[in-house]
């Protein structure tokens, strides 16, 4: 773990991971390859952009030549693959880019690794994926690493496809890989199309908060700093070919999340009655009912468990968005406004 290529490092989880790793490991070099789509924001990394051990390359993971140039110029021995189209609602509006980036882009990365890494003894390809590949749970049970894949949306299907491709390169070509499937992340720098930053932003602006269906869909929530530590743990300690589920042990309904956010923003901004902004709207197609992660494998084998509970993590998150309004306003551009109109205006 010396020369690390991080794909999608200007996105939410990728930028948090780069900041975490460069603070903790002074002897590594990180190359950040990012296409800078709507969700990629270089401002997330402004504090380290001049570091001698950090390099930014703007490029597409579907361009094999761009990847190969990075490998040749920086002697990459580790890949941490975050780059993906990741928002379910957008995948319903337009699936094509999800298939291209998440499936073909992952294939391009794997091909460069296979061609460039003649000696794989000190190499690692870590593919960061999602619990959504498993589909929907009933009222009981947990996703384990042996749960059958049953994706419901174009997004989750594209991630399931990329998981299978990564695993095949290990079994067929001997490429050293690991896969992590995480639950819903939250924390600083998350683009405000996702539930938590979207709701915080709507509360602050005193605008209606759209909640799908009855708001009774359940998700397990993982604070992004805990996720970064889990990825580091897998990089350093995991055996070749292993898959790990990463969860926060925080199963909460969407409506309870929204109400908690209303109360916290009211508390921190000396406001009141934000719950009156809640509006239940038509549910999205194929909306999985419940996700819940069994993270016992990564705990038992690698000694990782989340340090944040939801109460501490969500308070830190809300304060970050309140104190960083300029960051939020700078990314609410025409593309974001058009997406919100396409997704919610009829519902609202």
Protein backbone atom coordinates (compact mmCIF):
# COMPACT_ATOMS: atom_id res chain seq x y z
CA UNK A 1 0.00 0.00 0.00
CA UNK A 2 2.40 2.67 -1.26
CA UNK A 3 1.18 4.10 -4.57
CA UNK A 4 -2.62 4.16 -4.47
CA UNK A 5 -4.97 4.99 -7.32
CA UNK A 6 -8.29 6.21 -5.94
CA UNK A 7 -11.04 6.43 -8.55
CA UNK A 8 -13.85 8.88 -7.93
CA UNK A 9 -11.84 10.59 -5.22
CA UNK A 10 -13.65 13.93 -5.56
CA UNK A 11 -16.95 12.33 -4.63
CA UNK A 12 -18.41 12.01 -1.17
CA UNK A 13 -16.85 8.80 0.14
CA UNK A 14 -13.73 9.05 -2.02
CA UNK A 15 -12.76 12.51 -0.78
CA UNK A 16 -13.36 11.54 2.85
CA UNK A 17 -11.18 8.47 2.30
CA UNK A 18 -8.32 10.46 0.73
CA UNK A 19 -8.34 12.99 3.58
CA UNK A 20 -8.37 10.16 6.13
CA UNK A 21 -5.53 8.24 4.50
CA UNK A 22 -3.21 11.21 3.93
CA UNK A 23 -3.66 12.32 7.51
CA UNK A 24 -2.90 8.86 8.89
CA UNK A 25 -0.27 7.56 6.44
CA UNK A 26 2.51 10.02 5.63
CA UNK A 27 4.49 7.54 3.51
CA UNK A 28 1.88 6.82 0.83
CA UNK A 29 1.17 8.50 -2.51
CA UNK A 30 -2.39 8.93 -3.74
CA UNK A 31 -3.41 9.57 -7.33
CA UNK A 32 -7.03 10.70 -7.58
CA UNK A 33 -8.69 9.91 -10.93
CA UNK A 34 -12.05 11.63 -11.26
CA UNK A 35 -14.20 12.54 -14.25
CA UNK A 36 -15.71 15.45 -12.28
CA UNK A 37 -19.33 14.71 -13.00
CA UNK A 38 -21.96 16.71 -11.11
CA UNK A 39 -21.11 14.84 -7.88
CA UNK A 40 -17.32 15.26 -8.10
CA UNK A 41 -16.16 18.38 -6.28
CA UNK A 42 -12.43 19.30 -6.11
CA UNK A 43 -13.28 21.75 -3.32
CA UNK A 44 -13.65 18.73 -1.03
CA UNK A 45 -9.87 18.29 -1.19
CA UNK A 46 -8.63 21.85 -1.31
CA UNK A 47 -6.72 21.46 1.95
CA UNK A 48 -4.41 18.80 0.49
CA UNK A 49 -4.28 19.77 -3.19
CA UNK A 50 -0.69 21.06 -2.86
CA UNK A 51 0.64 18.04 -0.95
CA UNK A 52 3.71 16.41 -2.50
CA UNK A 53 2.12 12.97 -2.16
CA UNK A 54 -1.24 13.84 -3.74
CA UNK A 55 -1.88 14.00 -7.49
CA UNK A 56 -5.15 14.77 -9.27
CA UNK A 57 -5.95 13.52 -12.77
CA UNK A 58 -9.18 14.49 -14.48
CA UNK A 59 -10.28 11.55 -16.57
CA UNK A 60 -12.82 8.82 -17.25
CA UNK A 61 -12.36 5.27 -15.96
CA UNK A 62 -13.82 4.11 -19.28
CA UNK A 63 -10.67 5.45 -21.01
CA UNK A 64 -8.12 2.66 -20.69
CA UNK A 65 -5.26 4.85 -21.95
CA UNK A 66 -5.79 7.39 -19.16
CA UNK A 67 -5.60 4.61 -16.58
CA UNK A 68 -2.52 3.03 -18.17
CA UNK A 69 -0.69 6.39 -18.19
CA UNK A 70 -1.34 6.72 -14.45
CA UNK A 71 -0.01 3.22 -13.79
CA UNK A 72 3.13 3.91 -15.82
CA UNK A 73 3.79 7.37 -14.33
CA UNK A 74 3.06 6.48 -10.72
CA UNK A 75 3.82 2.75 -10.48
CA UNK A 76 0.41 2.04 -8.96
CA UNK A 77 0.29 -1.03 -6.72
CA UNK A 78 -3.11 -0.45 -5.08
CA UNK A 79 -6.49 0.54 -6.54
CA UNK A 80 -9.40 1.69 -4.40
CA UNK A 81 -12.35 1.87 -6.74
CA UNK A 82 -15.10 4.30 -5.68
CA UNK A 83 -15.94 5.77 -9.10
CA UNK A 84 -19.57 5.04 -9.91
CA UNK A 85 -22.87 6.55 -10.79
CA UNK A 86 -24.53 5.94 -7.46
CA UNK A 87 -27.98 7.51 -7.11
CA UNK A 88 -30.92 5.16 -7.54
CA UNK A 89 -33.36 7.87 -8.62
CA UNK A 90 -31.02 9.02 -11.41
CA UNK A 91 -30.63 5.43 -12.60
CA UNK A 92 -34.39 5.28 -13.07
CA UNK A 93 -34.40 8.52 -15.05
CA UNK A 94 -31.47 7.40 -17.23
CA UNK A 95 -29.85 3.95 -16.83
CA UNK A 96 -27.31 4.12 -19.68
CA UNK A 97 -24.59 6.05 -17.87
CA UNK A 98 -24.84 3.66 -14.91
CA UNK A 99 -24.15 0.66 -17.14
CA UNK A 100 -21.30 2.44 -18.91
CA UNK A 101 -19.49 3.74 -15.83
CA UNK A 102 -20.23 1.04 -13.28
CA UNK A 103 -19.82 -1.99 -15.54
CA UNK A 104 -17.58 -1.02 -18.46
CA UNK A 105 -15.51 1.40 -16.34
CA UNK A 106 -14.78 -1.32 -13.79
CA UNK A 107 -13.79 -3.67 -16.61
CA UNK A 108 -11.32 -1.07 -17.97
CA UNK A 109 -9.66 -0.71 -14.57
CA UNK A 110 -9.36 -4.46 -14.15
CA UNK A 111 -7.87 -4.85 -17.62
CA UNK A 112 -5.13 -2.31 -16.91
CA UNK A 113 -4.34 -4.04 -13.61
CA UNK A 114 -4.18 -7.42 -15.35
CA UNK A 115 -1.86 -6.11 -18.06
CA UNK A 116 0.36 -3.96 -15.85
CA UNK A 117 0.73 -6.11 -12.73
CA UNK A 118 2.99 -8.95 -13.87
CA UNK A 119 3.95 -9.66 -10.26
CA UNK A 120 0.85 -9.49 -8.03
CA UNK A 121 2.56 -10.26 -4.72
CA UNK A 122 2.19 -6.72 -3.32
CA UNK A 123 -0.85 -5.59 -5.27
CA UNK A 124 -4.50 -5.03 -4.36
CA UNK A 125 -7.71 -4.05 -6.16
CA UNK A 126 -10.39 -3.02 -3.66
CA UNK A 127 -13.84 -2.64 -5.17
CA UNK A 128 -16.21 -0.54 -3.06
CA UNK A 129 -19.80 -1.66 -3.58
CA UNK A 130 -23.21 -1.49 -1.92
CA UNK A 131 -25.67 -3.59 0.05
CA UNK A 132 -28.29 -2.76 -2.60
CA UNK A 133 -26.98 -5.64 -4.74
CA UNK A 134 -28.77 -8.01 -2.35
CA UNK A 135 -32.23 -6.59 -3.03
CA UNK A 136 -34.88 -6.13 -0.37
CA UNK A 137 -35.25 -7.76 3.04
CA UNK A 138 -38.47 -8.54 4.83
CA UNK A 139 -39.12 -7.42 8.38
CA UNK A 140 -36.46 -9.77 9.73
CA UNK A 141 -33.06 -11.06 8.69
CA UNK A 142 -29.73 -9.52 7.68
CA UNK A 143 -27.59 -9.42 4.57
CA UNK A 144 -24.51 -11.63 4.90
CA UNK A 145 -21.67 -12.11 2.45
CA UNK A 146 -23.45 -15.29 1.29
CA UNK A 147 -26.79 -13.61 0.55
CA UNK A 148 -27.86 -14.15 -3.06
CA UNK A 149 -27.80 -11.13 -5.33
CA UNK A 150 -31.25 -9.79 -6.25
CA UNK A 151 -30.89 -6.15 -7.42
CA UNK A 152 -34.03 -4.07 -7.97
CA UNK A 153 -32.87 -0.89 -9.74
CA UNK A 154 -30.59 -0.17 -12.71
CA UNK A 155 -28.11 1.24 -10.20
CA UNK A 156 -27.99 -1.85 -7.99
CA UNK A 157 -27.95 -4.12 -11.05
CA UNK A 158 -24.93 -2.27 -12.44
CA UNK A 159 -23.11 -2.59 -9.12
CA UNK A 160 -24.01 -6.28 -8.88
CA UNK A 161 -22.58 -6.75 -12.37
CA UNK A 162 -19.34 -5.01 -11.44
CA UNK A 163 -19.04 -7.13 -8.27
CA UNK A 164 -19.26 -10.28 -10.36
CA UNK A 165 -16.72 -9.01 -12.88
CA UNK A 166 -14.23 -8.12 -10.13
CA UNK A 167 -14.65 -11.54 -8.54
CA UNK A 168 -14.17 -13.23 -11.92
CA UNK A 169 -10.81 -11.51 -12.44
CA UNK A 170 -9.63 -13.00 -9.17
CA UNK A 171 -10.79 -16.51 -10.03
CA UNK A 172 -9.79 -16.48 -13.70
CA UNK A 173 -6.66 -14.32 -13.81
CA UNK A 174 -5.46 -14.44 -10.21
CA UNK A 175 -5.86 -10.68 -9.74
CA UNK A 176 -5.69 -9.88 -6.00
CA UNK A 177 -9.03 -8.33 -5.08
CA UNK A 178 -11.34 -7.54 -2.21
CA UNK A 179 -14.94 -6.34 -2.32
CA UNK A 180 -16.78 -4.35 0.32
CA UNK A 181 -20.56 -3.98 0.35
CA UNK A 182 -21.56 -1.12 2.60
CA UNK A 183 -24.83 0.21 3.95
CA UNK A 184 -26.05 3.79 3.44
CA UNK A 185 -23.31 6.31 4.16
CA UNK A 186 -23.82 9.79 5.57
CA UNK A 187 -21.52 12.62 6.64
CA UNK A 188 -19.68 15.72 5.31
CA UNK A 189 -19.35 16.42 1.57
CA UNK A 190 -22.33 14.30 0.48
CA UNK A 191 -24.11 15.67 -2.58
CA UNK A 192 -27.58 16.96 -1.64
CA UNK A 193 -29.51 14.54 -3.83
CA UNK A 194 -29.09 11.91 -1.11
CA UNK A 195 -31.67 11.73 1.66
CA UNK A 196 -29.83 13.26 4.61
CA UNK A 197 -28.17 16.29 2.96
CA UNK A 198 -31.26 16.86 0.80
CA UNK A 199 -33.50 17.02 3.86
CA UNK A 200 -31.08 19.26 5.80
CA UNK A 201 -30.94 21.66 2.87
CA UNK A 202 -34.72 21.75 2.45
CA UNK A 203 -35.22 22.42 6.17
CA UNK A 204 -32.72 25.29 6.19
CA UNK A 205 -34.40 26.80 3.11
CA UNK A 206 -37.86 26.26 4.65
CA UNK A 207 -39.04 24.25 1.64
CA UNK A 208 -41.25 21.17 1.51
CA UNK A 209 -39.47 17.88 2.26
CA UNK A 210 -40.55 15.09 -0.11
CA UNK A 211 -40.79 11.68 1.59
CA UNK A 212 -41.47 8.64 -0.60
CA UNK A 213 -44.56 6.58 0.20
CA UNK A 214 -45.22 6.32 3.92
CA UNK A 215 -41.56 6.83 4.80
CA UNK A 216 -41.42 3.35 6.33
CA UNK A 217 -38.54 2.03 4.21
CA UNK A 218 -35.68 0.96 6.48
CA UNK A 219 -31.96 1.52 5.93
CA UNK A 220 -28.85 0.79 7.97
CA UNK A 221 -26.78 3.98 8.31
CA UNK A 222 -22.97 4.10 8.37
CA UNK A 223 -21.01 7.26 9.21
CA UNK A 224 -18.50 7.93 6.45
CA UNK A 225 -15.50 8.13 8.81
CA UNK A 226 -16.25 4.61 10.04
CA UNK A 227 -16.47 3.47 6.42
CA UNK A 228 -13.06 4.99 5.64
CA UNK A 229 -11.51 3.10 8.52
CA UNK A 230 -13.17 -0.12 7.34
CA UNK A 231 -11.70 0.29 3.85
CA UNK A 232 -8.25 0.94 5.29
CA UNK A 233 -8.62 -2.18 7.45
CA UNK A 234 -9.51 -4.32 4.44
CA UNK A 235 -6.60 -2.88 2.45
CA UNK A 236 -4.08 -3.70 5.17
CA UNK A 237 -5.39 -6.93 6.64
CA UNK A 238 -7.82 -8.77 4.34
CA UNK A 239 -6.90 -12.01 2.62
CA UNK A 240 -6.99 -12.18 -1.16
CA UNK A 241 -10.44 -12.67 -2.69
CA UNK A 242 -12.49 -11.97 0.43
CA UNK A 243 -15.71 -9.95 0.51
CA UNK A 244 -16.84 -7.97 3.54
CA UNK A 245 -20.15 -6.37 4.44
CA UNK A 246 -19.70 -3.03 6.21
CA UNK A 247 -22.62 -1.74 8.28
CA UNK A 248 -23.30 0.82 10.96
CA UNK A 249 -25.76 -1.16 13.13
CA UNK A 250 -28.29 1.66 12.77
CA UNK A 251 -31.57 0.46 11.26
CA UNK A 252 -33.90 3.46 10.95
CA UNK A 253 -36.98 4.24 8.87
CA UNK A 254 -36.77 7.11 6.42
CA UNK A 255 -39.46 9.08 8.20
CA UNK A 256 -37.64 8.79 11.52
CA UNK A 257 -34.49 10.08 9.80
CA UNK A 258 -36.42 13.07 8.44
CA UNK A 259 -38.02 13.87 11.80
CA UNK A 260 -34.66 13.62 13.57
CA UNK A 261 -33.13 16.03 11.05
CA UNK A 262 -36.01 18.48 11.50
CA UNK A 263 -35.50 18.48 15.26
CA UNK A 264 -31.72 18.87 15.02
CA UNK A 265 -31.81 21.73 12.51
CA UNK A 266 -34.44 23.43 14.69
CA UNK A 267 -32.18 22.97 17.72
CA UNK A 268 -29.01 24.27 16.06
CA UNK A 269 -30.63 27.18 14.20
CA UNK A 270 -33.10 28.21 16.92
CA UNK A 271 -36.00 27.45 14.59
CA UNK A 272 -39.19 25.50 15.21
CA UNK A 273 -41.90 23.39 13.58
CA UNK A 274 -39.75 22.11 10.71
CA UNK A 275 -41.68 18.83 10.77
CA UNK A 276 -44.56 20.79 9.21
CA UNK A 277 -42.50 20.84 5.99
CA UNK A 278 -42.80 17.06 5.55
CA UNK A 279 -44.84 16.01 2.52
CA UNK A 280 -45.46 12.37 1.63
CA UNK A 281 -45.20 11.85 -2.13
CA UNK A 282 -45.64 9.05 -4.66
CA UNK A 283 -43.11 6.28 -4.08
CA UNK A 284 -40.39 5.57 -6.60
CA UNK A 285 -40.54 2.37 -8.71
CA UNK A 286 -38.84 -0.71 -7.27
CA UNK A 287 -38.22 0.91 -3.89
CA UNK A 288 -36.66 -1.78 -1.69
CA UNK A 289 -38.37 -2.08 1.68
CA UNK A 290 -35.51 -2.80 4.03
CA UNK A 291 -31.72 -3.17 4.07
CA UNK A 292 -29.79 -4.43 7.07
CA UNK A 293 -26.17 -5.54 7.24
CA UNK A 294 -24.60 -8.37 9.19
CA UNK A 295 -21.06 -7.02 9.65
CA UNK A 296 -19.86 -9.82 11.92
CA UNK A 297 -17.33 -11.14 9.37
CA UNK A 298 -15.29 -7.93 9.22
CA UNK A 299 -15.54 -7.64 13.01
CA UNK A 300 -14.45 -11.20 13.71
CA UNK A 301 -11.75 -11.51 11.03
CA UNK A 302 -10.35 -7.96 10.87
CA UNK A 303 -11.36 -6.47 14.23
CA UNK A 304 -13.35 -3.58 12.71
CA UNK A 305 -16.55 -2.19 14.13
CA UNK A 306 -18.14 1.28 13.86
CA UNK A 307 -17.04 3.86 16.40
CA UNK A 308 -19.93 6.26 15.75
CA UNK A 309 -23.51 5.58 16.73
CA UNK A 310 -26.20 7.36 14.78
CA UNK A 311 -26.82 9.96 17.47
CA UNK A 312 -23.24 11.23 17.45
CA UNK A 313 -22.72 10.88 13.71
CA UNK A 314 -25.90 12.68 12.68
CA UNK A 315 -25.27 15.62 15.01
CA UNK A 316 -21.79 16.07 13.53
CA UNK A 317 -23.25 15.82 10.03
CA UNK A 318 -26.02 18.39 10.58
CA UNK A 319 -23.56 20.86 12.10
CA UNK A 320 -21.22 20.42 9.13
CA UNK A 321 -23.97 21.30 6.62
CA UNK A 322 -25.12 24.27 8.69
CA UNK A 323 -21.54 25.59 8.97
CA UNK A 324 -20.70 24.98 5.30
CA UNK A 325 -23.58 26.65 3.49
CA UNK A 326 -21.25 28.13 0.89
CA UNK A 327 -20.14 24.60 -0.11
CA UNK A 328 -23.78 23.55 -0.51
CA UNK A 329 -24.84 26.63 -2.48
CA UNK A 330 -21.86 26.33 -4.84
CA UNK A 331 -22.93 22.85 -5.99
CA UNK A 332 -26.65 23.56 -6.36
CA UNK A 333 -26.16 24.39 -10.03
CA UNK A 334 -28.43 24.04 -13.05
CA UNK A 335 -27.88 20.28 -13.29
CA UNK A 336 -28.90 19.75 -9.69
CA UNK A 337 -31.96 21.97 -10.03
CA UNK A 338 -33.03 20.18 -13.22
CA UNK A 339 -32.64 16.80 -11.53
CA UNK A 340 -34.75 17.93 -8.56
CA UNK A 341 -37.42 19.22 -10.91
CA UNK A 342 -37.49 15.98 -12.90
CA UNK A 343 -37.60 13.80 -9.81
CA UNK A 344 -39.86 15.68 -7.40
CA UNK A 345 -41.85 18.52 -8.99
CA UNK A 346 -44.77 16.33 -10.11
CA UNK A 347 -44.79 14.59 -6.77
CA UNK A 348 -44.79 17.86 -4.84
